[in-house]
N, C-alpha and C. Protein backbone atom coordinates (compact mmCIF):
# COMPACT_ATOMS: atom_id res chain seq x y z
N UNK A 1 0.99 -0.91 -0.03
CA UNK A 1 0.22 0.26 -0.14
C UNK A 1 1.16 1.63 0.10
N UNK A 2 0.29 2.33 -0.41
CA UNK A 2 0.83 3.29 -0.91
C UNK A 2 1.17 4.12 0.93
N UNK A 3 2.49 4.98 1.04
CA UNK A 3 2.88 5.49 2.11
C UNK A 3 1.61 6.22 2.52
N UNK A 4 1.56 6.91 1.72
CA UNK A 4 0.71 8.45 1.20
C UNK A 4 -0.63 8.07 2.07
N UNK A 5 -1.20 6.63 1.14
CA UNK A 5 -2.61 6.36 1.75
C UNK A 5 -2.07 5.73 3.05
N UNK A 6 -1.86 4.97 3.41
CA UNK A 6 -1.56 4.76 4.91
C UNK A 6 -1.56 5.50 5.94
N UNK A 7 -0.76 6.79 5.49
CA UNK A 7 -0.49 8.01 6.18
C UNK A 7 -1.96 9.04 6.47
N UNK A 8 -2.80 9.24 5.55
CA UNK A 8 -3.95 9.16 5.16
C UNK A 8 -5.44 8.39 6.22
N UNK A 9 -4.98 7.52 5.88
CA UNK A 9 -5.75 5.91 6.80
C UNK A 9 -5.70 6.32 8.44
N UNK A 10 -4.12 6.72 8.99
CA UNK A 10 -3.95 7.03 10.46
C UNK A 10 -4.97 8.82 11.00
N UNK A 11 -4.73 9.14 9.72
CA UNK A 11 -4.91 10.74 10.23
C UNK A 11 -6.27 10.46 10.59
N UNK A 12 -7.19 10.11 9.02
CA UNK A 12 -8.79 9.88 9.58
C UNK A 12 -9.14 9.13 10.80
N UNK A 13 -8.32 7.96 11.39
CA UNK A 13 -8.31 7.31 11.72
C UNK A 13 -9.51 6.58 12.08
N UNK A 14 -9.74 5.82 10.86
CA UNK A 14 -10.80 4.88 10.44
C UNK A 14 -11.51 3.95 11.14
N UNK A 15 -12.51 3.81 11.76
CA UNK A 15 -12.70 2.59 12.18
C UNK A 15 -13.02 1.25 11.16
N UNK A 16 -12.28 0.15 11.19
CA UNK A 16 -12.93 -0.97 10.65
C UNK A 16 -12.79 -2.15 11.34
N UNK A 17 -14.18 -2.78 11.36
CA UNK A 17 -14.15 -4.19 12.19
C UNK A 17 -13.39 -5.37 11.23
N UNK A 18 -13.35 -6.38 11.86
CA UNK A 18 -12.79 -7.43 10.80
C UNK A 18 -13.53 -8.45 11.07
N UNK A 19 -13.74 -9.15 9.83
CA UNK A 19 -14.50 -10.53 9.82
C UNK A 19 -14.52 -11.74 10.84
N UNK A 20 -15.72 -12.01 11.53
CA UNK A 20 -15.70 -12.85 12.49
C UNK A 20 -16.96 -14.19 12.03
N UNK A 21 -16.41 -15.09 12.23
CA UNK A 21 -18.34 -15.96 11.12
C UNK A 21 -18.65 -15.63 10.11
N UNK A 22 -19.93 -15.56 10.47
CA UNK A 22 -20.31 -15.01 9.39
C UNK A 22 -21.46 -13.44 9.57
N UNK A 23 -20.30 -12.78 10.34
CA UNK A 23 -21.33 -11.62 11.14
C UNK A 23 -20.97 -10.62 10.02
N UNK A 24 -20.53 -10.52 8.81
CA UNK A 24 -20.14 -9.54 7.92
C UNK A 24 -21.46 -8.59 7.77
N UNK A 25 -22.45 -8.79 8.02
CA UNK A 25 -23.67 -7.57 8.06
C UNK A 25 -22.94 -6.54 8.79
N UNK A 26 -23.36 -7.14 10.27
CA UNK A 26 -22.86 -6.36 11.68
C UNK A 26 -21.48 -5.66 11.28
N UNK A 27 -20.75 -6.51 10.73
CA UNK A 27 -19.26 -5.51 10.37
C UNK A 27 -19.31 -4.41 9.65
N UNK A 28 -20.35 -4.64 8.20
CA UNK A 28 -20.42 -3.97 7.05
C UNK A 28 -21.61 -2.58 7.98
N UNK A 29 -22.32 -2.81 8.93
CA UNK A 29 -22.77 -1.51 9.06
C UNK A 29 -22.06 -0.55 10.26
N UNK A 30 -21.15 -1.40 11.01
CA UNK A 30 -20.02 -1.08 11.90
C UNK A 30 -19.19 -0.08 11.31
N UNK A 31 -18.81 -0.50 10.35
CA UNK A 31 -17.84 0.00 9.19
C UNK A 31 -18.50 1.23 8.34
N UNK A 32 -19.70 1.12 8.15
CA UNK A 32 -19.90 1.92 7.19
C UNK A 32 -20.57 3.36 8.33
N UNK A 33 -20.74 2.98 9.68
CA UNK A 33 -21.63 4.08 10.12
C UNK A 33 -19.64 4.68 10.87
N UNK A 34 -18.79 3.93 10.57
CA UNK A 34 -17.54 4.17 11.23
C UNK A 34 -17.71 4.72 13.11
N UNK A 35 -18.62 3.45 13.28
CA UNK A 35 -18.60 3.43 14.89
C UNK A 35 -18.35 1.69 15.49
N UNK A 36 -18.03 1.63 16.46
CA UNK A 36 -18.20 0.36 17.21
C UNK A 36 -19.19 -0.38 17.27
N UNK A 37 -20.17 0.20 18.03
CA UNK A 37 -21.53 -0.16 18.19
C UNK A 37 -22.44 0.33 18.09
N UNK A 38 -22.69 1.04 16.41
CA UNK A 38 -23.54 1.30 15.89
C UNK A 38 -25.00 0.71 15.93
N UNK A 39 -24.51 -0.82 15.82
CA UNK A 39 -25.02 -2.34 15.57
C UNK A 39 -24.90 -3.12 16.59
N UNK A 40 -25.22 -3.90 17.51
CA UNK A 40 -24.44 -5.09 18.25
C UNK A 40 -25.32 -6.38 17.30
N UNK A 41 -24.43 -7.74 18.10
CA UNK A 41 -25.12 -8.99 17.42
C UNK A 41 -26.64 -9.11 18.22
N UNK A 42 -26.99 -8.24 19.07
CA UNK A 42 -28.32 -8.76 19.85
C UNK A 42 -29.17 -7.40 19.32
N UNK A 43 -28.67 -6.15 18.83
CA UNK A 43 -29.48 -5.71 18.03
C UNK A 43 -30.18 -6.22 16.40
N UNK A 44 -29.22 -6.77 16.14
CA UNK A 44 -29.69 -7.16 15.36
C UNK A 44 -30.37 -8.41 15.29
N UNK A 45 -30.18 -9.29 16.10
CA UNK A 45 -30.81 -10.61 16.37
C UNK A 45 -32.39 -9.64 16.50
N UNK A 46 -32.90 -8.86 17.39
CA UNK A 46 -33.80 -8.39 17.89
C UNK A 46 -34.63 -7.95 16.39
N UNK A 47 -33.92 -7.11 15.55
CA UNK A 47 -34.43 -6.86 14.40
C UNK A 47 -34.60 -8.09 13.44
N UNK A 48 -34.46 -8.84 13.44
CA UNK A 48 -34.55 -9.95 13.04
C UNK A 48 -35.63 -10.68 13.09
N UNK A 49 -35.97 -10.70 14.35
CA UNK A 49 -36.77 -11.39 15.32
C UNK A 49 -38.07 -10.94 14.92
N UNK A 50 -37.99 -9.45 15.20
CA UNK A 50 -39.25 -8.87 15.25
C UNK A 50 -39.48 -8.91 13.59
N UNK A 51 -38.57 -8.67 12.54
CA UNK A 51 -39.60 -9.58 10.97
C UNK A 51 -40.24 -10.87 11.22
N UNK A 52 -39.82 -11.34 11.97
CA UNK A 52 -40.32 -13.04 11.73
C UNK A 52 -41.62 -12.43 12.21
N UNK A 53 -42.04 -12.02 13.72
CA UNK A 53 -43.08 -11.35 14.34
C UNK A 53 -43.81 -10.19 13.41
N UNK A 54 -43.73 -10.16 12.59
CA UNK A 54 -44.30 -9.14 12.09
C UNK A 54 -44.63 -9.95 10.56
N UNK A 55 -44.07 -10.12 9.87
CA UNK A 55 -44.36 -11.01 8.81
C UNK A 55 -45.64 -12.37 8.98
N UNK A 56 -46.73 -11.44 8.25
CA UNK A 56 -48.33 -12.56 8.27
C UNK A 56 -48.32 -13.89 7.20
N UNK A 57 -47.28 -13.98 6.45
CA UNK A 57 -46.68 -15.23 6.32
C UNK A 57 -46.17 -16.19 6.61
N UNK A 58 -46.22 -16.16 7.81
CA UNK A 58 -44.95 -17.23 8.88
C UNK A 58 -45.21 -18.55 8.52
N UNK A 59 -43.54 -18.76 8.31
CA UNK A 59 -43.95 -20.39 8.24
C UNK A 59 -44.05 -21.47 9.36
N UNK A 60 -44.10 -22.85 9.13
CA UNK A 60 -44.33 -23.45 10.68
C UNK A 60 -42.80 -23.68 11.24
N UNK A 61 -43.45 -23.94 12.54
CA UNK A 61 -42.20 -24.02 12.78
C UNK A 61 -41.33 -25.52 13.14
N UNK A 62 -40.31 -25.81 12.99
CA UNK A 62 -39.78 -26.87 12.43
C UNK A 62 -38.80 -26.85 13.48
N UNK A 63 -37.72 -28.48 13.65
CA UNK A 63 -36.54 -28.29 14.53
C UNK A 63 -35.88 -27.61 14.18
N UNK A 64 -35.62 -27.27 12.86
CA UNK A 64 -34.12 -26.23 12.25
C UNK A 64 -34.73 -25.21 12.77
N UNK A 65 -35.89 -24.46 12.84
CA UNK A 65 -35.98 -23.10 13.24
C UNK A 65 -35.59 -22.32 14.12
N UNK A 66 -34.97 -23.23 15.20
CA UNK A 66 -33.60 -22.89 16.24
C UNK A 66 -32.40 -22.41 16.02
N UNK A 67 -32.10 -22.59 15.18
CA UNK A 67 -30.59 -22.25 14.03
C UNK A 67 -31.34 -21.69 12.95
N UNK A 68 -31.68 -22.18 11.88
CA UNK A 68 -31.92 -21.68 10.35
C UNK A 68 -33.09 -20.46 11.03
N UNK A 69 -32.99 -19.07 11.38
CA UNK A 69 -34.25 -18.64 11.48
C UNK A 69 -34.64 -18.27 9.89
N UNK A 70 -35.66 -17.47 10.14
CA UNK A 70 -35.98 -16.81 8.59
C UNK A 70 -34.82 -15.61 7.89
N UNK A 71 -33.92 -14.66 8.81
CA UNK A 71 -33.79 -13.93 8.33
C UNK A 71 -32.35 -14.17 8.28
N UNK A 72 -31.76 -14.84 9.48
CA UNK A 72 -30.42 -15.41 10.28
C UNK A 72 -29.77 -16.43 10.51
N UNK A 73 -29.22 -16.57 10.84
CA UNK A 73 -28.39 -17.89 11.73
C UNK A 73 -28.00 -17.84 12.96
N UNK A 74 -29.27 -18.15 13.62
CA UNK A 74 -28.94 -18.13 15.38
C UNK A 74 -27.60 -17.91 15.63
N UNK A 75 -26.43 -18.97 15.48
CA UNK A 75 -24.83 -19.32 15.67
C UNK A 75 -24.09 -18.47 14.83
N UNK A 76 -23.85 -18.08 13.30
CA UNK A 76 -22.94 -17.58 12.68
C UNK A 76 -23.35 -16.47 12.31
N UNK A 77 -24.63 -15.74 12.23
CA UNK A 77 -24.65 -14.92 11.69
C UNK A 77 -25.40 -14.89 10.51
N UNK A 78 -24.97 -14.20 9.49
CA UNK A 78 -25.70 -14.49 8.16
C UNK A 78 -26.54 -13.81 7.93
N UNK A 79 -27.12 -12.51 8.48
CA UNK A 79 -28.09 -11.70 8.52
C UNK A 79 -28.68 -11.53 6.97
N UNK A 80 -29.83 -11.39 6.68
CA UNK A 80 -30.51 -11.15 5.40
C UNK A 80 -30.69 -9.48 4.91
N UNK A 81 -31.48 -9.20 3.69
CA UNK A 81 -31.52 -7.67 3.70
C UNK A 81 -32.19 -7.37 3.81
N UNK A 82 -33.09 -7.62 4.78
CA UNK A 82 -34.30 -7.34 5.36
C UNK A 82 -33.78 -7.00 6.46
N UNK A 83 -32.68 -7.53 7.28
CA UNK A 83 -32.50 -6.83 8.30
C UNK A 83 -31.20 -5.88 8.17
N UNK A 84 -30.50 -5.77 6.68
CA UNK A 84 -30.04 -4.36 6.71
C UNK A 84 -30.66 -3.49 6.90
N UNK A 85 -31.65 -3.81 5.38
CA UNK A 85 -32.82 -2.33 5.43
C UNK A 85 -33.36 -1.67 6.72
N UNK A 86 -34.15 -2.63 7.51
CA UNK A 86 -35.01 -2.22 8.55
C UNK A 86 -33.81 -1.08 9.80
N UNK A 87 -32.56 -2.36 9.96
CA UNK A 87 -31.68 -1.68 10.26
C UNK A 87 -30.92 -0.82 10.18
N UNK A 88 -30.96 -0.22 9.02
CA UNK A 88 -30.41 1.42 8.40
C UNK A 88 -31.58 2.63 8.59
N UNK A 89 -32.67 1.88 8.20
CA UNK A 89 -34.42 2.79 7.97
C UNK A 89 -34.49 3.06 9.80
N UNK A 90 -34.37 2.14 10.69
CA UNK A 90 -33.79 2.36 12.22
C UNK A 90 -33.11 3.78 12.36
N UNK A 91 -31.99 3.98 11.46
CA UNK A 91 -31.02 5.02 12.19
C UNK A 91 -31.75 6.21 11.03
N UNK A 92 -32.52 6.35 10.64
CA UNK A 92 -33.30 7.32 9.72
C UNK A 92 -32.54 7.70 8.46
N UNK A 93 -31.83 5.85 7.76
CA UNK A 93 -31.37 6.24 6.52
C UNK A 93 -32.33 5.35 5.41
N UNK A 94 -32.48 5.67 4.20
CA UNK A 94 -32.88 5.18 2.65
C UNK A 94 -32.22 4.33 2.51
N UNK A 95 -32.64 2.96 1.79
CA UNK A 95 -32.07 2.37 1.19
C UNK A 95 -32.40 2.28 -0.61
N UNK A 96 -31.54 2.35 -1.41
CA UNK A 96 -32.16 2.47 -2.84
C UNK A 96 -30.65 1.39 -3.62
N UNK A 97 -32.21 0.75 -4.25
CA UNK A 97 -31.86 -0.77 -4.90
C UNK A 97 -31.17 -0.25 -6.33
N UNK A 98 -29.61 0.01 -6.39
CA UNK A 98 -28.97 0.58 -7.61
C UNK A 98 -29.39 -0.77 -8.86
N UNK A 99 -30.41 -0.55 -10.03
CA UNK A 99 -30.32 -0.96 -11.04
C UNK A 99 -28.98 -1.34 -11.79
N UNK A 100 -28.59 -2.47 -11.68
CA UNK A 100 -27.44 -2.91 -12.11
C UNK A 100 -27.29 -2.92 -13.82
N UNK A 101 -28.19 -2.83 -14.26
CA UNK A 101 -28.41 -3.02 -15.94
C UNK A 101 -27.59 -1.24 -16.21
N UNK A 102 -27.78 0.06 -15.15
CA UNK A 102 -27.54 0.93 -15.91
C UNK A 102 -25.87 1.39 -15.78
N UNK A 103 -25.10 -0.04 -14.40
CA UNK A 103 -23.78 0.18 -14.22
C UNK A 103 -23.64 1.60 -13.27
N UNK A 104 -22.18 1.43 -13.01
CA UNK A 104 -21.49 2.48 -11.94
C UNK A 104 -21.72 3.96 -12.17
N UNK A 105 -21.27 3.94 -13.82
CA UNK A 105 -21.66 5.39 -14.49
C UNK A 105 -22.65 6.12 -14.17
N UNK A 106 -23.96 5.62 -13.95
CA UNK A 106 -25.12 6.20 -13.59
C UNK A 106 -25.26 6.83 -12.12
N UNK A 107 -23.87 6.43 -11.39
CA UNK A 107 -24.24 6.70 -9.61
C UNK A 107 -23.45 8.00 -9.86
N UNK A 108 -23.56 9.21 -8.77
CA UNK A 108 -23.48 10.03 -8.27
C UNK A 108 -22.34 10.27 -7.48
N UNK A 109 -21.06 9.42 -7.72
CA UNK A 109 -20.11 9.51 -6.27
C UNK A 109 -19.10 10.60 -5.95
N UNK A 110 -19.73 12.03 -6.76
CA UNK A 110 -18.88 12.95 -6.43
C UNK A 110 -20.11 13.72 -5.76
N UNK A 111 -20.85 13.70 -5.45
CA UNK A 111 -22.16 14.22 -4.83
C UNK A 111 -21.49 14.79 -3.66
N UNK A 112 -23.10 15.39 -3.18
CA UNK A 112 -22.26 15.79 -1.50
C UNK A 112 -22.89 14.13 -0.75
N UNK A 113 -21.25 14.22 0.45
CA UNK A 113 -22.07 13.31 1.38
C UNK A 113 -23.05 13.37 1.98
N UNK A 114 -23.74 14.33 2.25
CA UNK A 114 -24.75 14.65 3.06
C UNK A 114 -26.05 14.10 2.43
N UNK A 115 -26.01 13.02 0.95
CA UNK A 115 -26.87 13.14 0.63
C UNK A 115 -27.07 11.53 0.00
N UNK A 116 -25.44 11.07 0.02
CA UNK A 116 -25.14 9.31 -0.19
C UNK A 116 -23.99 8.87 0.82
N UNK A 117 -24.36 8.77 1.64
CA UNK A 117 -23.96 8.00 3.62
C UNK A 117 -22.89 7.11 3.08
N UNK A 118 -23.08 5.82 1.76
CA UNK A 118 -22.19 4.94 1.37
C UNK A 118 -22.92 4.38 0.70
N UNK A 119 -22.50 3.21 0.08
CA UNK A 119 -22.67 2.01 -0.58
C UNK A 119 -22.83 0.86 0.31
N UNK A 120 -23.61 -0.32 0.28
CA UNK A 120 -23.58 -1.68 0.87
C UNK A 120 -23.33 -2.44 -0.26
N UNK A 121 -22.64 -3.27 -0.67
CA UNK A 121 -22.50 -4.45 -1.93
C UNK A 121 -22.67 -5.52 -1.48
N UNK A 122 -23.67 -6.54 -1.70
CA UNK A 122 -23.98 -7.49 -1.35
C UNK A 122 -22.75 -8.46 -2.45
N UNK A 123 -21.93 -9.36 -2.22
CA UNK A 123 -21.46 -9.91 -3.45
C UNK A 123 -21.23 -11.78 -2.63
N UNK A 124 -21.39 -12.21 -4.35
CA UNK A 124 -21.36 -13.64 -4.18
C UNK A 124 -19.75 -14.48 -3.79
N UNK A 125 -20.05 -15.16 -2.97
CA UNK A 125 -18.59 -15.78 -2.48
C UNK A 125 -18.56 -17.68 -2.44
N UNK A 126 -17.15 -17.85 -2.90
CA UNK A 126 -17.02 -19.35 -3.18
C UNK A 126 -16.29 -19.63 -3.10
N UNK A 127 -16.23 -20.72 -1.68
CA UNK A 127 -14.69 -21.38 -1.29
C UNK A 127 -14.82 -22.56 -1.18
N UNK A 128 -13.59 -22.95 -0.76
CA UNK A 128 -13.31 -24.27 -0.68
C UNK A 128 -13.92 -25.03 -1.76
N UNK A 129 -13.03 -24.77 -2.96
CA UNK A 129 -13.27 -24.61 -3.96
C UNK A 129 -14.57 -25.41 -4.59
N UNK A 130 -15.46 -24.43 -4.15
CA UNK A 130 -16.46 -24.17 -5.37
C UNK A 130 -17.80 -25.03 -3.98
N UNK A 131 -17.36 -25.80 -3.28
CA UNK A 131 -18.41 -26.24 -2.06
C UNK A 131 -19.14 -26.08 -1.54
N UNK A 132 -18.22 -24.57 -0.80
CA UNK A 132 -19.11 -23.71 0.15
C UNK A 132 -19.65 -22.46 -0.90
N UNK A 133 -20.98 -22.07 -0.56
CA UNK A 133 -21.42 -20.80 -1.84
C UNK A 133 -22.05 -20.06 -0.83
N UNK A 134 -21.84 -18.92 -0.66
CA UNK A 134 -23.00 -18.00 0.41
C UNK A 134 -22.64 -16.35 -0.52
N UNK A 135 -22.65 -15.42 0.11
CA UNK A 135 -23.18 -14.51 0.04
C UNK A 135 -22.21 -13.17 1.22
N UNK A 136 -21.48 -11.95 0.93
CA UNK A 136 -20.79 -11.27 1.92
C UNK A 136 -21.09 -9.74 1.88
N UNK A 137 -21.14 -9.44 2.77
CA UNK A 137 -21.77 -7.73 2.72
C UNK A 137 -20.39 -7.00 2.40
N UNK A 138 -20.50 -5.88 1.84
CA UNK A 138 -19.13 -4.91 1.85
C UNK A 138 -19.28 -3.70 2.30
N UNK A 139 -19.18 -2.85 2.91
CA UNK A 139 -19.32 -1.09 2.78
C UNK A 139 -18.48 -0.28 2.14
N UNK A 140 -19.23 0.65 1.69
CA UNK A 140 -17.97 1.67 0.92
C UNK A 140 -18.39 3.07 1.15
N UNK A 141 -17.36 3.79 1.88
CA UNK A 141 -17.89 4.91 2.30
C UNK A 141 -16.81 6.47 1.60
N UNK A 142 -17.39 7.28 1.55
CA UNK A 142 -16.49 8.06 1.26
C UNK A 142 -16.67 8.92 3.07
N UNK A 143 -15.53 9.08 2.83
CA UNK A 143 -15.04 10.25 4.41
C UNK A 143 -13.75 11.21 3.80
N UNK A 144 -14.36 12.71 4.30
CA UNK A 144 -13.69 13.92 3.80
C UNK A 144 -12.57 13.70 2.55
N UNK A 145 -13.82 13.49 1.59
CA UNK A 145 -13.34 13.31 0.29
C UNK A 145 -12.79 11.98 -0.72
N UNK A 146 -12.50 11.51 0.49
CA UNK A 146 -11.57 10.00 -0.23
C UNK A 146 -12.50 9.06 -0.16
N UNK A 147 -13.16 7.98 -0.55
CA UNK A 147 -13.47 6.57 -1.30
C UNK A 147 -12.73 5.70 -0.22
N UNK A 148 -13.61 4.64 0.19
CA UNK A 148 -12.84 4.15 0.90
C UNK A 148 -13.45 2.38 1.28
N UNK A 149 -12.92 1.30 0.29
CA UNK A 149 -13.38 -0.14 0.53
C UNK A 149 -12.92 -0.72 2.56
N UNK A 150 -14.45 -0.70 2.98
CA UNK A 150 -14.18 -1.00 4.63
C UNK A 150 -14.47 -2.28 4.72
N UNK A 151 -14.26 -3.62 3.82
CA UNK A 151 -14.38 -4.84 3.56
C UNK A 151 -13.80 -5.80 5.02
N UNK A 152 -14.58 -6.27 5.90
CA UNK A 152 -14.41 -6.91 6.77
C UNK A 152 -13.09 -7.88 6.57
N UNK A 153 -13.09 -8.53 5.53
CA UNK A 153 -12.01 -9.60 4.66
C UNK A 153 -10.41 -8.72 5.33
N UNK A 154 -10.60 -7.45 4.82
CA UNK A 154 -9.13 -6.84 4.50
C UNK A 154 -8.85 -6.31 6.33
N UNK A 155 -7.34 -7.09 6.14
CA UNK A 155 -6.61 -6.05 7.56
C UNK A 155 -6.85 -5.28 7.74
N UNK A 156 -6.50 -3.64 6.65
CA UNK A 156 -6.74 -2.32 6.65
C UNK A 156 -7.94 -1.79 5.84
N UNK A 157 -9.10 -0.92 5.90
CA UNK A 157 -9.24 -0.45 4.86
C UNK A 157 -8.72 -0.07 3.61
N UNK A 158 -9.53 -0.47 2.41
CA UNK A 158 -8.86 -0.35 1.23
C UNK A 158 -8.35 1.76 0.63
N UNK A 159 -7.65 2.45 0.57
CA UNK A 159 -8.05 3.70 -0.23
C UNK A 159 -8.54 3.89 -1.66
N UNK A 160 -9.93 4.22 -2.03
CA UNK A 160 -9.53 4.09 -3.86
C UNK A 160 -8.70 5.35 -4.07
N UNK A 161 -8.52 5.40 -5.46
CA UNK A 161 -7.06 6.51 -5.30
C UNK A 161 -8.52 7.80 -6.40
N UNK A 162 -9.36 7.34 -6.81
CA UNK A 162 -10.46 8.82 -6.76
C UNK A 162 -11.93 8.16 -7.54
N UNK A 163 -12.72 8.80 -7.51
CA UNK A 163 -13.83 8.24 -8.09
C UNK A 163 -14.53 7.33 -9.30
N UNK A 164 -13.09 7.21 -10.47
CA UNK A 164 -13.14 6.35 -11.25
C UNK A 164 -12.87 5.18 -11.06
N UNK A 165 -11.65 4.84 -10.47
CA UNK A 165 -11.48 3.80 -9.18
C UNK A 165 -12.81 2.64 -9.38
N UNK A 166 -13.43 3.64 -8.10
CA UNK A 166 -14.24 3.37 -7.71
C UNK A 166 -15.97 2.50 -8.29
N UNK A 167 -16.00 3.60 -9.37
CA UNK A 167 -16.87 2.83 -10.40
C UNK A 167 -16.06 1.40 -10.66
N UNK A 168 -15.10 1.53 -11.56
CA UNK A 168 -14.10 0.32 -11.78
C UNK A 168 -14.53 -0.58 -10.94
N UNK A 169 -14.36 -0.64 -9.50
CA UNK A 169 -15.05 -1.65 -9.09
C UNK A 169 -16.28 -1.62 -9.07
N UNK A 170 -17.04 -0.93 -8.94
CA UNK A 170 -18.51 -1.34 -8.83
C UNK A 170 -18.50 -1.75 -10.25
N UNK A 171 -18.32 -1.95 -11.18
CA UNK A 171 -19.04 -2.39 -12.43
C UNK A 171 -17.89 -3.81 -12.24
N UNK A 172 -17.19 -4.27 -11.54
CA UNK A 172 -16.64 -5.71 -12.15
C UNK A 172 -17.53 -6.31 -10.63
N UNK A 173 -17.95 -5.34 -9.69
CA UNK A 173 -18.34 -6.43 -8.72
C UNK A 173 -19.87 -7.02 -9.00
N UNK A 174 -20.62 -5.63 -9.99
CA UNK A 174 -21.50 -6.13 -10.93
C UNK A 174 -21.50 -7.49 -12.04
N UNK A 175 -20.85 -7.40 -12.23
CA UNK A 175 -20.33 -8.21 -13.10
C UNK A 175 -20.12 -9.66 -12.56
N UNK A 176 -19.80 -9.77 -11.58
CA UNK A 176 -19.50 -10.51 -10.80
C UNK A 176 -21.20 -11.16 -9.85
N UNK A 177 -22.21 -10.50 -10.19
CA UNK A 177 -23.07 -10.79 -9.16
C UNK A 177 -24.01 -10.26 -8.06
N UNK A 178 -22.74 -9.34 -7.79
CA UNK A 178 -23.06 -8.04 -6.80
C UNK A 178 -24.31 -7.44 -6.77
N UNK A 179 -24.89 -7.05 -5.28
CA UNK A 179 -25.91 -6.53 -5.57
C UNK A 179 -25.55 -5.18 -5.12
N UNK A 180 -25.97 -4.26 -5.06
CA UNK A 180 -25.27 -2.27 -4.81
C UNK A 180 -26.35 -1.54 -4.15
N UNK A 181 -26.40 -1.57 -3.05
CA UNK A 181 -27.55 -0.74 -2.29
C UNK A 181 -26.58 0.59 -2.05
N UNK A 182 -27.40 1.46 -2.55
CA UNK A 182 -26.96 2.78 -1.94
C UNK A 182 -27.46 3.37 -0.58
N UNK A 183 -27.26 3.76 0.02
CA UNK A 183 -27.38 4.46 1.71
C UNK A 183 -27.21 5.45 1.47
N UNK A 184 -28.62 6.26 1.43
CA UNK A 184 -29.04 7.53 1.54
C UNK A 184 -29.12 8.05 3.03
N UNK A 185 -28.93 9.58 3.37
CA UNK A 185 -29.34 10.35 4.41
C UNK A 185 -30.78 10.18 3.99
N UNK A 186 -31.94 11.03 4.80
CA UNK A 186 -33.24 11.33 4.38
C UNK A 186 -33.30 12.77 4.78
């Protein structure tokens, strides 16, 4: 990593949670908000449970329901999009699903940071020679004019050189099957 970029990250004192189990949504949210406990596991579990209670088409209980809950896995995390949206709306944010057909060129990445808080990606993952397939949540955020990839799988955040590099990254992610969610300040 370029020395100037490392120095910039130290000066900004970026908050960056690293991956544990399948709690990438929790880490992504905390990285997005740049705050250790913007959300806790208990917060996201409570949101997931409320979503189940509010669902008019509740599925019947099975012995697997204790572990494999409709919106998350009780042991490993692995929260779904519904938990993400409810969590962000609870903090006064609006989630806008980006139409992948338009590509990243249609995104206003240079606009006011007061309007676009950040971007959350849901990217497909394949591990163990393709035997394990899942999805991973990743947060991108512009902080003091610079865009950062705050992926919890990274040891440190990645600083993008400019918005064109962010667009190239997003277009590559879209072509790889990622979903792009814009987190807007209301």
